Amino acid sequence: MKKLTLLATTLLVLSPMALAEKGEVVKRISGCDYYLVDAPSGYVLLEWMGGHDPDRGDTIIGNFHNFGTHTFFVNDTDTETRAYVEDYGLSKHDGMEKLIDHCE
């Protein structure tokens, strides 16, 4: 029973890391809290919620596969940012359109 509990706990702790991806901020519109990240699974529209305020060219590491507010890491450091995943798995065209719609 102890081994099963230990295994379950380990899986719960590691599962968010298994979903982590590394993406690059490709578009940020001045004065807008939304930005677009190019990740291996597609473009991701994020809304900045606090912490480090990312800029174009920053590397963002975290879980882009679930809607909601998450903590991400910036530029392979311990620097954190909080962002709401507005949409993910987007094409570049769809991501740009959604970004512009949110920033107008």
PDB file of N, CA and C in Angstrom:
ATOM      1  N   MET A   1       0.818  -1.190   0.000  1.00  0.00           N
ATOM      2  CA  MET A   1       0.000   0.000   0.000  1.00  0.00           C
ATOM      3  C   MET A   1       0.866   1.260   0.000  1.00  0.00           C
ATOM      4  N   LYS A   2       1.967   1.240   0.775  1.00  0.00           N
ATOM      5  CA  LYS A   2       2.850   2.408   0.825  1.00  0.00           C
ATOM      6  C   LYS A   2       3.467   2.671  -0.545  1.00  0.00           C
ATOM      7  N   LYS A   3       3.822   1.607  -1.271  1.00  0.00           N
ATOM      8  CA  LYS A   3       4.413   1.777  -2.600  1.00  0.00           C
ATOM      9  C   LYS A   3       3.405   2.398  -3.567  1.00  0.00           C
ATOM     10  N   LEU A   4       2.161   1.981  -3.474  1.00  0.00           N
ATOM     11  CA  LEU A   4       1.117   2.525  -4.329  1.00  0.00           C
ATOM     12  C   LEU A   4       0.885   4.007  -4.036  1.00  0.00           C
ATOM     13  N   THR A   5       0.862   4.366  -2.766  1.00  0.00           N
ATOM     14  CA  THR A   5       0.689   5.764  -2.370  1.00  0.00           C
ATOM     15  C   THR A   5       1.870   6.606  -2.854  1.00  0.00           C
ATOM     16  N   LEU A   6       3.076   6.090  -2.704  1.00  0.00           N
ATOM     17  CA  LEU A   6       4.269   6.794  -3.158  1.00  0.00           C
ATOM     18  C   LEU A   6       4.235   6.973  -4.678  1.00  0.00           C
ATOM     19  N   LEU A   7       3.842   5.954  -5.402  1.00  0.00           N
ATOM     20  CA  LEU A   7       3.752   6.033  -6.859  1.00  0.00           C
ATOM     21  C   LEU A   7       2.717   7.075  -7.277  1.00  0.00           C
ATOM     22  N   ALA A   8       1.551   7.063  -6.650  1.00  0.00           N
ATOM     23  CA  ALA A   8       0.492   8.019  -6.974  1.00  0.00           C
ATOM     24  C   ALA A   8       0.940   9.451  -6.693  1.00  0.00           C
ATOM     25  N   THR A   9       1.594   9.661  -5.580  1.00  0.00           N
ATOM     26  CA  THR A   9       2.092  10.993  -5.225  1.00  0.00           C
ATOM     27  C   THR A   9       3.133  11.461  -6.238  1.00  0.00           C
ATOM     28  N   THR A  10       4.044  10.585  -6.613  1.00  0.00           N
ATOM     29  CA  THR A  10       5.078  10.916  -7.590  1.00  0.00           C
ATOM     30  C   THR A  10       4.459  11.304  -8.926  1.00  0.00           C
ATOM     31  N   LEU A  11       3.468  10.559  -9.379  1.00  0.00           N
ATOM     32  CA  LEU A  11       2.809  10.871 -10.643  1.00  0.00           C
ATOM     33  C   LEU A  11       2.093  12.211 -10.603  1.00  0.00           C
ATOM     34  N   LEU A  12       1.465  12.529  -9.487  1.00  0.00           N
ATOM     35  CA  LEU A  12       0.786  13.816  -9.357  1.00  0.00           C
ATOM     36  C   LEU A  12       1.760  14.984  -9.391  1.00  0.00           C
ATOM     37  N   VAL A  13       2.913  14.797  -8.784  1.00  0.00           N
ATOM     38  CA  VAL A  13       3.920  15.856  -8.747  1.00  0.00           C
ATOM     39  C   VAL A  13       4.561  16.028 -10.113  1.00  0.00           C
ATOM     40  N   LEU A  14       4.835  14.953 -10.806  1.00  0.00           N
ATOM     41  CA  LEU A  14       5.542  15.020 -12.078  1.00  0.00           C
ATOM     42  C   LEU A  14       4.643  15.319 -13.271  1.00  0.00           C
ATOM     43  N   SER A  15       3.340  15.071 -13.179  1.00  0.00           N
ATOM     44  CA  SER A  15       2.463  15.243 -14.337  1.00  0.00           C
ATOM     45  C   SER A  15       2.455  16.666 -14.892  1.00  0.00           C
ATOM     46  N   PRO A  16       2.448  17.732 -14.074  1.00  0.00           N
ATOM     47  CA  PRO A  16       2.523  19.069 -14.668  1.00  0.00           C
ATOM     48  C   PRO A  16       3.830  19.293 -15.423  1.00  0.00           C
ATOM     49  N   MET A  17       4.927  18.725 -14.950  1.00  0.00           N
ATOM     50  CA  MET A  17       6.202  18.876 -15.639  1.00  0.00           C
ATOM     51  C   MET A  17       6.185  18.146 -16.970  1.00  0.00           C
ATOM     52  N   ALA A  18       5.465  17.037 -17.042  1.00  0.00           N
ATOM     53  CA  ALA A  18       5.398  16.270 -18.282  1.00  0.00           C
ATOM     54  C   ALA A  18       4.693  17.066 -19.372  1.00  0.00           C
ATOM     55  N   LEU A  19       3.798  17.967 -19.000  1.00  0.00           N
ATOM     56  CA  LEU A  19       3.067  18.779 -19.965  1.00  0.00           C
ATOM     57  C   LEU A  19       3.792  20.079 -20.308  1.00  0.00           C
ATOM     58  N   ALA A  20       4.881  20.365 -19.632  1.00  0.00           N
ATOM     59  CA  ALA A  20       5.584  21.630 -19.843  1.00  0.00           C
ATOM     60  C   ALA A  20       6.188  21.691 -21.234  1.00  0.00           C
ATOM     61  N   GLU A  21       6.078  22.865 -21.816  1.00  0.00           N
ATOM     62  CA  GLU A  21       6.670  23.150 -23.118  1.00  0.00           C
ATOM     63  C   GLU A  21       7.471  24.440 -23.009  1.00  0.00           C
ATOM     64  N   LYS A  22       8.326  24.638 -23.991  1.00  0.00           N
ATOM     65  CA  LYS A  22       9.097  25.872 -24.076  1.00  0.00           C
ATOM     66  C   LYS A  22       8.644  26.601 -25.331  1.00  0.00           C
ATOM     67  N   GLY A  23       8.201  27.848 -25.155  1.00  0.00           N
ATOM     68  CA  GLY A  23       7.756  28.657 -26.279  1.00  0.00           C
ATOM     69  C   GLY A  23       8.406  30.026 -26.253  1.00  0.00           C
ATOM     70  N   GLU A  24       8.278  30.736 -27.356  1.00  0.00           N
ATOM     71  CA  GLU A  24       8.862  32.073 -27.466  1.00  0.00           C
ATOM     72  C   GLU A  24       7.765  33.101 -27.675  1.00  0.00           C
ATOM     73  N   VAL A  25       7.862  34.202 -26.931  1.00  0.00           N
ATOM     74  CA  VAL A  25       6.923  35.310 -27.128  1.00  0.00           C
ATOM     75  C   VAL A  25       7.237  35.921 -28.492  1.00  0.00           C
ATOM     76  N   VAL A  26       6.255  35.859 -29.409  1.00  0.00           N
ATOM     77  CA  VAL A  26       6.481  36.347 -30.768  1.00  0.00           C
ATOM     78  C   VAL A  26       5.765  37.659 -31.059  1.00  0.00           C
ATOM     79  N   LYS A  27       4.754  37.995 -30.240  1.00  0.00           N
ATOM     80  CA  LYS A  27       4.048  39.250 -30.470  1.00  0.00           C
ATOM     81  C   LYS A  27       3.497  39.790 -29.164  1.00  0.00           C
ATOM     82  N   ARG A  28       3.780  41.061 -28.931  1.00  0.00           N
ATOM     83  CA  ARG A  28       3.283  41.776 -27.759  1.00  0.00           C
ATOM     84  C   ARG A  28       2.904  43.174 -28.225  1.00  0.00           C
ATOM     85  N   ILE A  29       1.684  43.576 -27.967  1.00  0.00           N
ATOM     86  CA  ILE A  29       1.209  44.895 -28.367  1.00  0.00           C
ATOM     87  C   ILE A  29       1.300  45.822 -27.159  1.00  0.00           C
ATOM     88  N   SER A  30       1.975  46.944 -27.337  1.00  0.00           N
ATOM     89  CA  SER A  30       2.179  47.901 -26.249  1.00  0.00           C
ATOM     90  C   SER A  30       0.845  48.323 -25.640  1.00  0.00           C
ATOM     91  N   GLY A  31       0.783  48.312 -24.302  1.00  0.00           N
ATOM     92  CA  GLY A  31      -0.410  48.736 -23.592  1.00  0.00           C
ATOM     93  C   GLY A  31      -1.467  47.649 -23.450  1.00  0.00           C
ATOM     94  N   CYS A  32      -1.166  46.435 -23.892  1.00  0.00           N
ATOM     95  CA  CYS A  32      -2.121  45.324 -23.825  1.00  0.00           C
ATOM     96  C   CYS A  32      -1.515  44.198 -22.986  1.00  0.00           C
ATOM     97  N   ASP A  33      -2.325  43.561 -22.163  1.00  0.00           N
ATOM     98  CA  ASP A  33      -1.839  42.479 -21.300  1.00  0.00           C
ATOM     99  C   ASP A  33      -1.780  41.126 -22.006  1.00  0.00           C
ATOM    100  N   TYR A  34      -2.277  41.043 -23.233  1.00  0.00           N
ATOM    101  CA  TYR A  34      -2.250  39.782 -23.977  1.00  0.00           C
ATOM    102  C   TYR A  34      -0.989  39.701 -24.822  1.00  0.00           C
ATOM    103  N   TYR A  35      -0.494  38.462 -24.999  1.00  0.00           N
ATOM    104  CA  TYR A  35       0.663  38.241 -25.866  1.00  0.00           C
ATOM    105  C   TYR A  35       0.577  36.858 -26.475  1.00  0.00           C
ATOM    106  N   LEU A  36       1.325  36.665 -27.573  1.00  0.00           N
ATOM    107  CA  LEU A  36       1.263  35.429 -28.336  1.00  0.00           C
ATOM    108  C   LEU A  36       2.585  34.682 -28.198  1.00  0.00           C
ATOM    109  N   VAL A  37       2.481  33.389 -27.891  1.00  0.00           N
ATOM    110  CA  VAL A  37       3.646  32.522 -27.710  1.00  0.00           C
ATOM    111  C   VAL A  37       3.630  31.441 -28.789  1.00  0.00           C
ATOM    112  N   ASP A  38       4.779  31.227 -29.427  1.00  0.00           N
ATOM    113  CA  ASP A  38       4.951  30.150 -30.398  1.00  0.00           C
ATOM    114  C   ASP A  38       5.510  28.948 -29.649  1.00  0.00           C
ATOM    115  N   ALA A  39       4.675  27.917 -29.454  1.00  0.00           N
ATOM    116  CA  ALA A  39       5.063  26.706 -28.738  1.00  0.00           C
ATOM    117  C   ALA A  39       5.045  25.521 -29.711  1.00  0.00           C
ATOM    118  N   PRO A  40       5.718  24.428 -29.365  1.00  0.00           N
ATOM    119  CA  PRO A  40       5.736  23.262 -30.254  1.00  0.00           C
ATOM    120  C   PRO A  40       4.346  22.730 -30.614  1.00  0.00           C
ATOM    121  N   SER A  41       3.367  22.894 -29.734  1.00  0.00           N
ATOM    122  CA  SER A  41       2.020  22.379 -29.995  1.00  0.00           C
ATOM    123  C   SER A  41       1.125  23.405 -30.692  1.00  0.00           C
ATOM    124  N   GLY A  42       1.666  24.552 -31.046  1.00  0.00           N
ATOM    125  CA  GLY A  42       0.899  25.597 -31.713  1.00  0.00           C
ATOM    126  C   GLY A  42       1.027  26.919 -30.974  1.00  0.00           C
ATOM    127  N   TYR A  43       0.411  27.923 -31.519  1.00  0.00           N
ATOM    128  CA  TYR A  43       0.468  29.248 -30.912  1.00  0.00           C
ATOM    129  C   TYR A  43      -0.490  29.315 -29.722  1.00  0.00           C
ATOM    130  N   VAL A  44      -0.070  30.076 -28.700  1.00  0.00           N
ATOM    131  CA  VAL A  44      -0.818  30.180 -27.452  1.00  0.00           C
ATOM    132  C   VAL A  44      -1.073  31.654 -27.153  1.00  0.00           C
ATOM    133  N   LEU A  45      -2.328  31.991 -26.850  1.00  0.00           N
ATOM    134  CA  LEU A  45      -2.670  33.353 -26.460  1.00  0.00           C
ATOM    135  C   LEU A  45      -2.740  33.400 -24.942  1.00  0.00           C
ATOM    136  N   LEU A  46      -1.878  34.221 -24.346  1.00  0.00           N
ATOM    137  CA  LEU A  46      -1.799  34.354 -22.892  1.00  0.00           C
ATOM    138  C   LEU A  46      -2.169  35.772 -22.473  1.00  0.00           C
ATOM    139  N   GLU A  47      -2.769  35.871 -21.296  1.00  0.00           N
ATOM    140  CA  GLU A  47      -3.035  37.172 -20.686  1.00  0.00           C
ATOM    141  C   GLU A  47      -2.169  37.288 -19.440  1.00  0.00           C
ATOM    142  N   TRP A  48      -1.311  38.297 -19.408  1.00  0.00           N
ATOM    143  CA  TRP A  48      -0.416  38.506 -18.272  1.00  0.00           C
ATOM    144  C   TRP A  48      -1.233  38.827 -17.031  1.00  0.00           C
ATOM    145  N   MET A  49      -0.905  38.134 -15.916  1.00  0.00           N
ATOM    146  CA  MET A  49      -1.643  38.303 -14.663  1.00  0.00           C
ATOM    147  C   MET A  49      -0.753  38.753 -13.499  1.00  0.00           C
ATOM    148  N   GLY A  50       0.552  38.806 -13.705  1.00  0.00           N
ATOM    149  CA  GLY A  50       1.439  39.249 -12.632  1.00  0.00           C
ATOM    150  C   GLY A  50       2.809  38.621 -12.739  1.00  0.00           C
ATOM    151  N   GLY A  51       3.706  39.085 -11.896  1.00  0.00           N
ATOM    152  CA  GLY A  51       5.085  38.620 -11.963  1.00  0.00           C
ATOM    153  C   GLY A  51       5.826  39.324 -13.088  1.00  0.00           C
ATOM    154  N   HIS A  52       6.839  38.664 -13.619  1.00  0.00           N
ATOM    155  CA  HIS A  52       7.626  39.233 -14.717  1.00  0.00           C
ATOM    156  C   HIS A  52       6.706  39.537 -15.898  1.00  0.00           C
ATOM    157  N   ASP A  53       6.852  40.715 -16.463  1.00  0.00           N
ATOM    158  CA  ASP A  53       6.055  41.125 -17.617  1.00  0.00           C
ATOM    159  C   ASP A  53       6.832  40.752 -18.884  1.00  0.00           C
ATOM    160  N   PRO A  54       6.470  39.657 -19.558  1.00  0.00           N
ATOM    161  CA  PRO A  54       7.260  39.177 -20.688  1.00  0.00           C
ATOM    162  C   PRO A  54       7.241  40.123 -21.880  1.00  0.00           C
ATOM    163  N   ASP A  55       8.281  40.008 -22.683  1.00  0.00           N
ATOM    164  CA  ASP A  55       8.417  40.832 -23.877  1.00  0.00           C
ATOM    165  C   ASP A  55       8.777  39.929 -25.053  1.00  0.00           C
ATOM    166  N   ARG A  56       8.673  40.473 -26.234  1.00  0.00           N
ATOM    167  CA  ARG A  56       8.998  39.724 -27.452  1.00  0.00           C
ATOM    168  C   ARG A  56      10.419  39.160 -27.347  1.00  0.00           C
ATOM    169  N   GLY A  57      10.562  37.880 -27.702  1.00  0.00           N
ATOM    170  CA  GLY A  57      11.852  37.217 -27.654  1.00  0.00           C
ATOM    171  C   GLY A  57      12.084  36.431 -26.378  1.00  0.00           C
ATOM    172  N   ASP A  58      11.286  36.682 -25.332  1.00  0.00           N
ATOM    173  CA  ASP A  58      11.424  35.915 -24.087  1.00  0.00           C
ATOM    174  C   ASP A  58      10.992  34.466 -24.316  1.00  0.00           C
ATOM    175  N   THR A  59      11.669  33.558 -23.628  1.00  0.00           N
ATOM    176  CA  THR A  59      11.290  32.155 -23.629  1.00  0.00           C
ATOM    177  C   THR A  59      10.396  31.913 -22.421  1.00  0.00           C
ATOM    178  N   ILE A  60       9.255  31.277 -22.657  1.00  0.00           N
ATOM    179  CA  ILE A  60       8.290  30.975 -21.600  1.00  0.00           C
ATOM    180  C   ILE A  60       8.193  29.456 -21.489  1.00  0.00           C
ATOM    181  N   ILE A  61       8.304  28.950 -20.265  1.00  0.00           N
ATOM    182  CA  ILE A  61       8.239  27.504 -20.037  1.00  0.00           C
ATOM    183  C   ILE A  61       7.081  27.202 -19.096  1.00  0.00           C
ATOM    184  N   GLY A  62       6.224  26.267 -19.506  1.00  0.00           N
ATOM    185  CA  GLY A  62       5.105  25.880 -18.662  1.00  0.00           C
ATOM    186  C   GLY A  62       4.082  25.062 -19.407  1.00  0.00           C
ATOM    187  N   ASN A  63       2.926  24.924 -18.797  1.00  0.00           N
ATOM    188  CA  ASN A  63       1.842  24.122 -19.345  1.00  0.00           C
ATOM    189  C   ASN A  63       0.916  25.003 -20.167  1.00  0.00           C
ATOM    190  N   PHE A  64       0.991  24.866 -21.479  1.00  0.00           N
ATOM    191  CA  PHE A  64       0.144  25.636 -22.381  1.00  0.00           C
ATOM    192  C   PHE A  64      -1.111  24.860 -22.789  1.00  0.00           C
ATOM    193  N   HIS A  65      -1.340  23.693 -22.194  1.00  0.00           N
ATOM    194  CA  HIS A  65      -2.395  22.786 -22.647  1.00  0.00           C
ATOM    195  C   HIS A  65      -3.676  22.850 -21.832  1.00  0.00           C
ATOM    196  N   ASN A  66      -3.773  23.754 -20.886  1.00  0.00           N
ATOM    197  CA  ASN A  66      -4.978  23.864 -20.061  1.00  0.00           C
ATOM    198  C   ASN A  66      -5.368  25.321 -19.923  1.00  0.00           C
ATOM    199  N   PHE A  67      -6.668  25.580 -20.078  1.00  0.00           N
ATOM    200  CA  PHE A  67      -7.160  26.935 -19.856  1.00  0.00           C
ATOM    201  C   PHE A  67      -7.012  27.279 -18.377  1.00  0.00           C
ATOM    202  N   GLY A  68      -6.923  28.567 -18.092  1.00  0.00           N
ATOM    203  CA  GLY A  68      -6.843  29.012 -16.710  1.00  0.00           C
ATOM    204  C   GLY A  68      -5.527  29.693 -16.412  1.00  0.00           C
ATOM    205  N   THR A  69      -5.383  30.137 -15.174  1.00  0.00           N
ATOM    206  CA  THR A  69      -4.189  30.854 -14.741  1.00  0.00           C
ATOM    207  C   THR A  69      -3.131  29.873 -14.272  1.00  0.00           C
ATOM    208  N   HIS A  70      -1.913  30.068 -14.768  1.00  0.00           N
ATOM    209  CA  HIS A  70      -0.796  29.179 -14.454  1.00  0.00           C
ATOM    210  C   HIS A  70       0.459  30.009 -14.179  1.00  0.00           C
ATOM    211  N   THR A  71       1.405  29.394 -13.495  1.00  0.00           N
ATOM    212  CA  THR A  71       2.723  29.988 -13.308  1.00  0.00           C
ATOM    213  C   THR A  71       3.643  29.464 -14.400  1.00  0.00           C
ATOM    214  N   PHE A  72       4.381  30.367 -15.030  1.00  0.00           N
ATOM    215  CA  PHE A  72       5.336  30.025 -16.073  1.00  0.00           C
ATOM    216  C   PHE A  72       6.708  30.535 -15.659  1.00  0.00           C
ATOM    217  N   PHE A  73       7.738  29.964 -16.246  1.00  0.00           N
ATOM    218  CA  PHE A  73       9.105  30.413 -15.990  1.00  0.00           C
ATOM    219  C   PHE A  73       9.632  31.103 -17.236  1.00  0.00           C
ATOM    220  N   VAL A  74      10.465  32.130 -17.032  1.00  0.00           N
ATOM    221  CA  VAL A  74      10.923  32.989 -18.110  1.00  0.00           C
ATOM    222  C   VAL A  74      12.425  32.822 -18.333  1.00  0.00           C
ATOM    223  N   ASN A  75      12.805  32.650 -19.600  1.00  0.00           N
ATOM    224  CA  ASN A  75      14.211  32.635 -20.032  1.00  0.00           C
ATOM    225  C   ASN A  75      15.080  31.644 -19.266  1.00  0.00           C
ATOM    226  N   ASP A  76      14.582  30.439 -19.028  1.00  0.00           N
ATOM    227  CA  ASP A  76      15.351  29.373 -18.374  1.00  0.00           C
ATOM    228  C   ASP A  76      15.919  29.794 -17.018  1.00  0.00           C
ATOM    229  N   THR A  77      15.199  30.659 -16.301  1.00  0.00           N
ATOM    230  CA  THR A  77      15.628  31.093 -14.970  1.00  0.00           C
ATOM    231  C   THR A  77      14.523  30.784 -13.967  1.00  0.00           C
ATOM    232  N   ASP A  78      14.742  31.187 -12.748  1.00  0.00           N
ATOM    233  CA  ASP A  78      13.711  31.029 -11.717  1.00  0.00           C
ATOM    234  C   ASP A  78      12.705  32.178 -11.732  1.00  0.00           C
ATOM    235  N   THR A  79      12.832  33.082 -12.707  1.00  0.00           N
ATOM    236  CA  THR A  79      11.918  34.207 -12.815  1.00  0.00           C
ATOM    237  C   THR A  79      10.549  33.692 -13.217  1.00  0.00           C
ATOM    238  N   GLU A  80       9.530  34.064 -12.446  1.00  0.00           N
ATOM    239  CA  GLU A  80       8.178  33.573 -12.702  1.00  0.00           C
ATOM    240  C   GLU A  80       7.288  34.663 -13.273  1.00  0.00           C
ATOM    241  N   THR A  81       6.329  34.224 -14.040  1.00  0.00           N
ATOM    242  CA  THR A  81       5.248  35.082 -14.503  1.00  0.00           C
ATOM    243  C   THR A  81       3.957  34.285 -14.362  1.00  0.00           C
ATOM    244  N   ARG A  82       2.861  34.995 -14.137  1.00  0.00           N
ATOM    245  CA  ARG A  82       1.546  34.341 -14.063  1.00  0.00           C
ATOM    246  C   ARG A  82       0.765  34.799 -15.284  1.00  0.00           C
ATOM    247  N   ALA A  83       0.093  33.857 -15.916  1.00  0.00           N
ATOM    248  CA  ALA A  83      -0.685  34.192 -17.102  1.00  0.00           C
ATOM    249  C   ALA A  83      -1.898  33.284 -17.199  1.00  0.00           C
ATOM    250  N   TYR A  84      -2.928  33.834 -17.817  1.00  0.00           N
ATOM    251  CA  TYR A  84      -4.140  33.074 -18.084  1.00  0.00           C
ATOM    252  C   TYR A  84      -4.045  32.545 -19.512  1.00  0.00           C
ATOM    253  N   VAL A  85      -4.203  31.228 -19.679  1.00  0.00           N
ATOM    254  CA  VAL A  85      -4.201  30.629 -21.014  1.00  0.00           C
ATOM    255  C   VAL A  85      -5.582  30.866 -21.612  1.00  0.00           C
ATOM    256  N   GLU A  86      -5.648  31.811 -22.526  1.00  0.00           N
ATOM    257  CA  GLU A  86      -6.899  32.181 -23.189  1.00  0.00           C
ATOM    258  C   GLU A  86      -7.253  31.178 -24.291  1.00  0.00           C
ATOM    259  N   ASP A  87      -6.238  30.744 -25.046  1.00  0.00           N
ATOM    260  CA  ASP A  87      -6.445  29.761 -26.110  1.00  0.00           C
ATOM    261  C   ASP A  87      -5.106  29.137 -26.466  1.00  0.00           C
ATOM    262  N   TYR A  88      -5.139  27.929 -26.989  1.00  0.00           N
ATOM    263  CA  TYR A  88      -3.899  27.222 -27.333  1.00  0.00           C
ATOM    264  C   TYR A  88      -4.113  26.323 -28.538  1.00  0.00           C
ATOM    265  N   GLY A  89      -3.003  25.845 -29.119  1.00  0.00           N
ATOM    266  CA  GLY A  89      -3.079  24.995 -30.305  1.00  0.00           C
ATOM    267  C   GLY A  89      -3.522  25.766 -31.540  1.00  0.00           C
ATOM    268  N   LEU A  90      -3.255  27.057 -31.558  1.00  0.00           N
ATOM    269  CA  LEU A  90      -3.701  27.923 -32.647  1.00  0.00           C
ATOM    270  C   LEU A  90      -2.702  27.950 -33.799  1.00  0.00           C
ATOM    271  N   SER A  91      -3.198  28.270 -34.993  1.00  0.00           N
ATOM    272  CA  SER A  91      -2.304  28.580 -36.106  1.00  0.00           C
ATOM    273  C   SER A  91      -1.772  29.997 -35.874  1.00  0.00           C
ATOM    274  N   LYS A  92      -0.730  30.360 -36.580  1.00  0.00           N
ATOM    275  CA  LYS A  92      -0.177  31.711 -36.422  1.00  0.00           C
ATOM    276  C   LYS A  92      -1.236  32.756 -36.797  1.00  0.00           C
ATOM    277  N   HIS A  93      -1.947  32.525 -37.879  1.00  0.00           N
ATOM    278  CA  HIS A  93      -2.969  33.454 -38.344  1.00  0.00           C
ATOM    279  C   HIS A  93      -4.069  33.632 -37.303  1.00  0.00           C
ATOM    280  N   ASP A  94      -4.603  32.516 -36.785  1.00  0.00           N
ATOM    281  CA  ASP A  94      -5.665  32.593 -35.774  1.00  0.00           C
ATOM    282  C   ASP A  94      -5.178  33.257 -34.494  1.00  0.00           C
ATOM    283  N   GLY A  95      -3.947  32.950 -34.100  1.00  0.00           N
ATOM    284  CA  GLY A  95      -3.381  33.564 -32.905  1.00  0.00           C
ATOM    285  C   GLY A  95      -3.256  35.069 -33.039  1.00  0.00           C
ATOM    286  N   MET A  96      -2.781  35.520 -34.196  1.00  0.00           N
ATOM    287  CA  MET A  96      -2.641  36.964 -34.427  1.00  0.00           C
ATOM    288  C   MET A  96      -4.008  37.650 -34.430  1.00  0.00           C
ATOM    289  N   GLU A  97      -4.999  37.035 -35.051  1.00  0.00           N
ATOM    290  CA  GLU A  97      -6.341  37.623 -35.071  1.00  0.00           C
ATOM    291  C   GLU A  97      -6.915  37.758 -33.667  1.00  0.00           C
ATOM    292  N   LYS A  98      -6.775  36.701 -32.864  1.00  0.00           N
ATOM    293  CA  LYS A  98      -7.299  36.736 -31.495  1.00  0.00           C
ATOM    294  C   LYS A  98      -6.562  37.769 -30.651  1.00  0.00           C
ATOM    295  N   LEU A  99      -5.245  37.876 -30.840  1.00  0.00           N
ATOM    296  CA  LEU A  99      -4.468  38.876 -30.107  1.00  0.00           C
ATOM    297  C   LEU A  99      -4.952  40.275 -30.440  1.00  0.00           C
ATOM    298  N   ILE A 100      -5.110  40.548 -31.715  1.00  0.00           N
ATOM    299  CA  ILE A 100      -5.568  41.875 -32.137  1.00  0.00           C
ATOM    300  C   ILE A 100      -6.970  42.154 -31.600  1.00  0.00           C
ATOM    301  N   ASP A 101      -7.855  41.162 -31.651  1.00  0.00           N
ATOM    302  CA  ASP A 101      -9.219  41.341 -31.114  1.00  0.00           C
ATOM    303  C   ASP A 101      -9.193  41.701 -29.628  1.00  0.00           C
ATOM    304  N   HIS A 102      -8.309  41.070 -28.864  1.00  0.00           N
ATOM    305  CA  HIS A 102      -8.242  41.332 -27.416  1.00  0.00           C
ATOM    306  C   HIS A 102      -7.564  42.661 -27.093  1.00  0.00           C
ATOM    307  N   CYS A 103      -6.760  43.159 -28.005  1.00  0.00           N
ATOM    308  CA  CYS A 103      -5.978  44.363 -27.715  1.00  0.00           C
ATOM    309  C   CYS A 103      -6.563  45.641 -28.313  1.00  0.00           C
ATOM    310  N   GLU A 104      -7.669  45.540 -29.011  1.00  0.00           N
ATOM    311  CA  GLU A 104      -8.275  46.747 -29.600  1.00  0.00           C
ATOM    312  C   GLU A 104      -9.068  47.515 -28.567  1.00  0.00           C
TER     313      GLU A 104
END
